[in-house]
Amino acid sequence: MKAIRNSTKLFWLVLLAVLAGSCGKDDAPKTEPEPEAILTVYGVISQETELSILTEALEKLPFLRNQLDDGTGFGASKNGYTVFAPNNDAFASFLLENGYDGIAAIDAENQADIDFLTSYVRNHILIEKLDEANLEAEEIGFLVTHTTQGINLFFNALESPITLNGSSKITNTNLQATNGIVHIVDAVIPLPTLATFIAVHPDFEHMEEAIELLEPEDSEVKDALTDAAEFTLFVPTNAAFESFFEEVELDMLEDLGPHILKYFVESHAIPNNIVDASEIESTIGNSTVNTMNIALTTGKENDVLTLTDTQGRLAHIVMEDVKTSNGIIHVIDSVILGLGEPSPEPEPTLYEIISQNPDMTTFKAALEKLPSLRDVLNDDSNVATLADNFTVFVPSDIAFDAFLLESGFDGIEAIDMENPDHVDFLVTYVYNQIALESWPRAILEIEGVGFLSTNTLEKIQMLFNTAGGEMVLNGAATVISGTSAKNGMVYLVDNVIPLPTVATFIGAHPDFQTMQQALEIAESELGSNIKNDMEVVPSYTTFVPTDTAFNDLLDEINANGGLEIETIEELAPNIVEDIIETHVIPFNLVDASDIENASGGTINTLTDELQVDVLEGGVIRLTDPQNRVANIIWTEIRASNGFIHAIDRVLLGN
């Protein structure tokens, strides 16, 4: 099997085979033999109605068709063939996406068309016979395709069904042929780039994260993994990264900081060149292999190629020559480091970035009125702070000036720092633009949706949502750009981030939209004040079921009543209002500790009494009057006027 395998695993497989053979024929399980094949691989494909487009494609490629048809002649495989055959829907969609209105649109007289078709069809063929059991025994790994360059194909048999290059699934396996085997797949297998394999291999997760964390202006390597024509990458395994974390006492990659992270990734990359294992071996004893910023000394240890970096750290190439359409990967068991850290210009502080940006002059003037906060953002080590790093969302001058005018101030200079009301106003809104800790955009995009704690006295939270391609804060302010600093991140935003109320978070969080709809129904149909109260009442606590919880409730109603209700709008408005009232506690701030202290007892919502139990592991469980149980899955989401506790089931009252 021409796959890149783990030699230790192979040893154990051989040992188990020997032991099994010594048990005697009577102990062997009886299995049904595979039906005897009577058709060639091409014959099997041509007989399958859902493979008619692939059959037509092979007719346009007679050299490949003949190989798959009789298995003899020049260049034929002695070990049979494996074909991952895209079904008609998959092939038709693929052709359309690439500008061809069906297989007939591929012109057999047009060399560009034939080259395109050849490269993709060959990418689905192996020059060896592998059935489903072979793949499952290996679990994950790389196979060699019939492409001219011998591009690899990644399979993952730990997933069900088996996936190929992370995007194509085997839907019908083990169609036996006289000269091989056919597996039907549900998508055309893409020609893999370096980025493909880094994204789909579970042992490359830390390397993928390192590349994703690169700043946009440092994205040369990130872009090259997809776009470059020739690129070589040394990829440390997850275990190699974890050893590195222990060695340098880091908790996560982003702790390296953006400049060091860029240097780190580039130390593993060789652009504009494909350096295979034979070339690496040829440099032993006479030259080095040079990445983007360091020279690696090559060697060999027990027939395994090694790389030694400029700090004398030894890395073994544990998997060599993983070939993609745009380069090659060598997997290593240790990260590569340069000689000490690079010596860049010192990174500016948060305050320095703000003070140098012409779109942030109003916010800078506000900081000058708050010298203690200014000094914190300027990384003054003499100032005690609650956090080492911060993320500052700075409203543009246009946005901040407009906000001040709406609030009754004719510019930042109109704020009188001798007036306590003016001071409270400025402190509240400026601190609300600052989140504790440093949050690179790449991390927030990975999270998608979530809450950050601000630097306000009450640690009011800030909702971020990157799901739509933009980063939106509290549903009202959109990030324009971002810059890393010595002590955090600065983002320019198009609006002053409003102080969030309970109503703000329910309206803006994508998983609270059914609760928002319920509030709107009660307000519009019954004149309910609950939605308005969530905006204006100074102390408010709400248990908010997720959208999934509401969907489960509708399913439950339908199952019990033989109904077909699809949305909450189809419920009677008074029922919707009753549901809301079971979840709200107006004029009271009930935090997580208050709920935990009620364990074994009850807490009262607007209309009902809920039983409280704290389970082993700290999970808080609420039981409603109908003995329905909900778990609190997010506790104490802090708004300016109260708390939200998200729950996984809708509560019902009497």
Foldseek 3Di string as FASTA:
>chain_A
DQWFAQVVLVVVVVVVVVVVVVPDPVPDDDDDDDPDADFFQLRLLCVDPQQVLVNVLCVLVVVVSVLRGPQDDPPGFPAFKEFAGETNVQVCVVCVVVPANGSVSQDSVDVVSNVVSVQQRQQRMASHADFLVNCVSRQWTWGFTRHPVRAIWIWGVVDPQIDILPPKGFDATFPDHPRHGYTYIHHRHDQDFQLSCCVPDPFNPQVNVLLLLADPVLNPVVVCSPPAQEKEFEGETNQQVVVVCVVVVHDHDCVCPNVQSSVQRQQGMAGPHAQFPVNLVVPAPPAFDGTPPWTWHWDADPNWIWTATQVRDIWTQSTTFNHGSRYGYTYIHHGHDHDDTDDDDAFFFQLVVLVPDPFNVQVNVLCVLVVLVSCVRRQPVVRDDPAQAKEAAGETPVQVCVVCVVVPANGSVSQDSVDVVSVVVSLQQRQQRMFGDADRVSNCVVVQWDWTFTRDPVSAIWIWGCVVVWTDILNPKTWDDKDAGPGHIYTYIHHRRDQFFQLSCLVRDPFNVLVVVLVVLLCVVPVDCPSVCSVPQQEKEFAGETNQQVQVVVVVCCVVPVDDDRGPVPDDSVQSVQLRQQTMAGPHAQFPVNLAVQAVHWDDGNPFIWHWHQDPVRWIWTAEPVRDIKTFPATFNGGSRYGYTYIHHRHGYD
